[in-house]
Amino acid sequence: MDNLKEQLKNCTKCPLHLTRNNVVISDGSINADIMLIGEAPGADEDKTGIPFVGRAGKLLNEFLAKAGIKRENDLYIANTVKCRPPGNRKPTKEEKIACGDNLKKQINMVKPKVIILCGATAMESFIFDKKLTISKARGQVFNYDEDKNIKLVPIFHPSYLLRQHSNAEGSPRDLMLKDLKMVKELVNSCKKTT
């Protein structure tokens, strides 16, 4: 992991390196059973070098805690790209491809049982059905690597939930909590079968 971090700090594979302050590599435990993959660093992440530390990250932490997932022990967090796109725009396909090998290396090092795909951009990097929206995909379990029994679970991005305040049954916040609880149960069932 140290070698990868050193490589990423000096990465110039795409134009995002020209405007970054920090390369945002990861947070959490490399021994985690759950890996969360987000879209891209935002302004707060670019300042600190740590993923999910802004308002959306704080909301994510609340949902993780409610689901019984400890960010520092149970989770390894990365993004589809390691540098902030200007103006917080969505990363381009080319930028995601340039960073794709690094993300695969992280997955191979962590060896998670479940990968949470946080938001549509992360989902589109792993599930290639163009008709599948995040609203339709969330709540489902997909295969990432059948040989290693790694599962994919798409969830809403917490930045979307910042605009959704209801906790009523069936609301995006309610569904997010249910999805994270499902992830916890999925990991526990994987532990029992291995």
Protein backbone atom coordinates (compact mmCIF):
# COMPACT_ATOMS: atom_id res chain seq x y z
CA MET A 1 0.00 0.00 0.00
CA ASP A 2 2.88 2.39 0.76
CA ASN A 3 4.26 1.89 -2.76
CA LEU A 4 0.86 2.64 -4.27
CA LYS A 5 0.48 5.78 -2.15
CA GLU A 6 3.90 7.00 -3.29
CA GLN A 7 3.00 6.36 -6.96
CA LEU A 8 -0.32 8.14 -6.61
CA LYS A 9 1.21 11.23 -5.00
CA ASN A 10 3.25 11.71 -8.17
CA CYS A 11 0.59 10.61 -10.66
CA THR A 12 0.21 12.64 -13.87
CA LYS A 13 -1.92 10.17 -15.91
CA CYS A 14 -4.74 12.67 -16.48
CA PRO A 15 -5.19 16.47 -16.42
CA LEU A 16 -6.69 16.43 -12.90
CA HIS A 17 -3.17 16.49 -11.45
CA LEU A 18 -2.77 20.05 -12.74
CA THR A 19 -5.43 21.51 -10.41
CA ARG A 20 -5.25 19.28 -7.33
CA ASN A 21 -3.95 20.30 -3.92
CA ASN A 22 -3.82 16.75 -2.56
CA VAL A 23 -4.19 13.26 -3.96
CA VAL A 24 -7.07 11.68 -2.04
CA ILE A 25 -6.14 8.02 -1.76
CA SER A 26 -8.09 6.36 1.03
CA ASP A 27 -9.34 6.28 4.60
CA GLY A 28 -10.14 3.47 6.98
CA SER A 29 -8.71 0.00 7.47
CA ILE A 30 -6.93 -1.99 4.76
CA ASN A 31 -8.20 -5.09 6.63
CA ALA A 32 -11.85 -4.04 6.32
CA ASP A 33 -14.53 -6.41 5.02
CA ILE A 34 -16.35 -3.49 3.42
CA MET A 35 -14.94 -1.12 0.81
CA LEU A 36 -16.82 2.04 -0.10
CA ILE A 37 -16.10 3.62 -3.47
CA GLY A 38 -17.25 7.19 -4.05
CA GLU A 39 -17.23 9.42 -7.09
CA ALA A 40 -14.34 11.86 -6.66
CA PRO A 41 -12.85 14.15 -4.03
CA GLY A 42 -14.64 17.43 -3.34
CA ALA A 43 -13.16 20.70 -2.09
CA ASP A 44 -12.85 19.57 1.56
CA GLU A 45 -11.24 16.29 0.50
CA ASP A 46 -8.82 18.12 -1.81
CA LYS A 47 -7.75 20.28 1.15
CA THR A 48 -7.29 17.41 3.62
CA GLY A 49 -6.33 14.48 1.40
CA ILE A 50 -9.03 12.34 3.10
CA PRO A 51 -12.20 11.09 1.37
CA PHE A 52 -15.70 11.95 2.63
CA VAL A 53 -14.83 14.65 5.17
CA GLY A 54 -17.21 17.41 4.04
CA ARG A 55 -20.94 17.74 4.74
CA ALA A 56 -21.75 14.61 2.72
CA GLY A 57 -19.04 12.72 4.60
CA LYS A 58 -20.45 13.75 7.97
CA LEU A 59 -23.89 12.57 6.89
CA LEU A 60 -22.38 9.31 5.64
CA ASN A 61 -20.76 8.82 9.06
CA GLU A 62 -24.16 9.23 10.75
CA PHE A 63 -25.72 6.58 8.52
CA LEU A 64 -22.79 4.20 8.99
CA ALA A 65 -23.08 4.52 12.76
CA LYS A 66 -26.84 3.87 12.65
CA ALA A 67 -26.18 0.73 10.57
CA GLY A 68 -23.53 -0.51 13.01
CA ILE A 69 -20.60 0.03 10.63
CA LYS A 70 -17.49 1.64 12.15
CA ARG A 71 -15.76 3.86 9.59
CA GLU A 72 -12.29 3.45 11.09
CA ASN A 73 -12.40 -0.37 11.50
CA ASP A 74 -15.08 -1.87 9.25
CA LEU A 75 -14.56 0.26 6.16
CA TYR A 76 -11.93 1.16 3.59
CA ILE A 77 -12.90 4.23 1.55
CA ALA A 78 -11.63 5.20 -1.91
CA ASN A 79 -12.94 7.05 -4.97
CA THR A 80 -13.15 6.29 -8.69
CA VAL A 81 -10.59 9.08 -9.19
CA LYS A 82 -8.03 10.33 -6.69
CA CYS A 83 -7.95 14.02 -7.65
CA ARG A 84 -10.72 16.61 -7.49
CA PRO A 85 -12.33 17.49 -10.81
CA PRO A 86 -12.53 21.30 -11.18
CA GLY A 87 -15.77 22.77 -9.87
CA ASN A 88 -16.73 19.39 -8.36
CA ARG A 89 -17.88 18.21 -11.79
CA LYS A 90 -18.41 14.53 -12.49
CA PRO A 91 -15.18 12.77 -13.51
CA THR A 92 -14.93 11.98 -17.21
CA LYS A 93 -14.75 8.44 -18.56
CA GLU A 94 -11.11 9.10 -19.52
CA GLU A 95 -10.25 10.27 -16.00
CA LYS A 96 -11.87 7.18 -14.48
CA ILE A 97 -9.99 4.93 -16.91
CA ALA A 98 -6.69 6.67 -16.05
CA CYS A 99 -7.31 5.97 -12.36
CA GLY A 100 -8.92 2.55 -12.88
CA ASP A 101 -5.78 0.44 -12.39
CA ASN A 102 -5.10 2.19 -9.08
CA LEU A 103 -8.61 1.43 -7.87
CA LYS A 104 -8.24 -2.24 -8.91
CA LYS A 105 -4.96 -2.41 -6.97
CA GLN A 106 -6.74 -1.04 -3.90
CA ILE A 107 -9.52 -3.62 -4.24
CA ASN A 108 -6.95 -6.41 -4.61
CA MET A 109 -5.04 -5.21 -1.53
CA VAL A 110 -8.11 -4.81 0.68
CA LYS A 111 -9.89 -7.98 -0.50
CA PRO A 112 -13.31 -6.80 0.71
CA LYS A 113 -16.31 -9.07 1.00
CA VAL A 114 -18.65 -6.23 -0.06
CA ILE A 115 -17.99 -3.12 -2.15
CA ILE A 116 -20.45 -0.27 -1.62
CA LEU A 117 -20.83 1.81 -4.76
CA CYS A 118 -21.68 5.25 -3.45
CA GLY A 119 -23.75 7.08 -6.04
CA ALA A 120 -24.38 6.76 -9.78
CA THR A 121 -20.85 7.64 -10.90
CA ALA A 122 -19.28 4.86 -8.82
CA MET A 123 -22.00 2.44 -9.90
CA GLU A 124 -21.40 3.23 -13.60
CA SER A 125 -17.74 2.25 -13.15
CA PHE A 126 -18.70 -1.32 -12.18
CA ILE A 127 -22.21 -2.04 -13.47
CA PHE A 128 -22.44 -1.37 -17.17
CA ASP A 129 -26.19 -1.59 -17.77
CA LYS A 130 -26.95 1.84 -19.24
CA LYS A 131 -30.66 1.52 -18.39
CA LEU A 132 -29.99 0.91 -14.70
CA THR A 133 -30.29 4.04 -12.57
CA ILE A 134 -29.08 4.32 -8.98
CA SER A 135 -32.72 4.42 -7.84
CA LYS A 136 -33.37 1.05 -9.50
CA ALA A 137 -30.02 -0.53 -8.57
CA ARG A 138 -29.95 0.40 -4.87
CA GLY A 139 -31.20 -2.35 -2.62
CA GLN A 140 -29.79 -5.02 -4.96
CA VAL A 141 -26.66 -7.15 -4.70
CA PHE A 142 -24.44 -7.65 -7.75
CA ASN A 143 -21.36 -9.82 -8.28
CA TYR A 144 -17.97 -8.18 -8.68
CA ASP A 145 -15.80 -11.29 -8.56
CA GLU A 146 -17.58 -14.62 -8.27
CA ASP A 147 -14.34 -16.56 -7.63
CA LYS A 148 -13.50 -14.36 -4.65
CA ASN A 149 -17.19 -13.99 -3.71
CA ILE A 150 -17.02 -10.16 -3.68
CA LYS A 151 -20.41 -8.46 -3.84
CA LEU A 152 -21.38 -4.98 -5.07
CA VAL A 153 -24.11 -2.94 -3.37
CA PRO A 154 -25.07 0.43 -4.92
CA ILE A 155 -26.36 3.11 -2.53
CA PHE A 156 -27.44 6.73 -2.84
CA HIS A 157 -24.63 9.26 -2.53
CA PRO A 158 -24.89 11.16 0.77
CA SER A 159 -24.73 14.49 -1.12
CA TYR A 160 -28.13 13.56 -2.61
CA LEU A 161 -29.45 12.96 0.91
CA LEU A 162 -28.39 16.47 1.96
CA ARG A 163 -31.33 17.66 -0.15
CA GLN A 164 -33.71 14.96 1.11
CA HIS A 165 -34.72 15.59 4.71
CA SER A 166 -37.52 13.10 5.31
CA ASN A 167 -36.84 9.90 7.26
CA ALA A 168 -40.29 8.52 6.43
CA GLU A 169 -40.70 4.91 5.28
CA GLY A 170 -39.54 4.64 1.65
CA SER A 171 -37.75 8.01 1.64
CA PRO A 172 -34.16 8.14 0.26
CA ARG A 173 -32.79 8.44 3.82
CA ASP A 174 -34.83 5.43 4.97
CA LEU A 175 -33.64 3.42 1.95
CA MET A 176 -30.01 4.42 2.58
CA LEU A 177 -30.16 3.12 6.13
CA LYS A 178 -31.81 -0.11 4.97
CA ASP A 179 -29.12 -0.58 2.31
CA LEU A 180 -26.29 -0.09 4.81
CA LYS A 181 -27.93 -2.52 7.25
CA MET A 182 -28.18 -5.00 4.37
CA VAL A 183 -24.44 -4.55 3.73
CA LYS A 184 -23.73 -5.31 7.40
CA GLU A 185 -25.88 -8.47 7.22
CA LEU A 186 -24.22 -9.50 3.94
CA VAL A 187 -20.76 -9.22 5.50
CA ASN A 188 -21.88 -11.20 8.54
CA SER A 189 -23.30 -13.96 6.31
CA CYS A 190 -20.06 -14.02 4.27
CA LYS A 191 -18.06 -14.49 7.49
CA LYS A 192 -20.24 -17.47 8.47
CA THR A 193 -19.68 -19.22 5.11
CA THR A 194 -15.90 -18.73 4.99
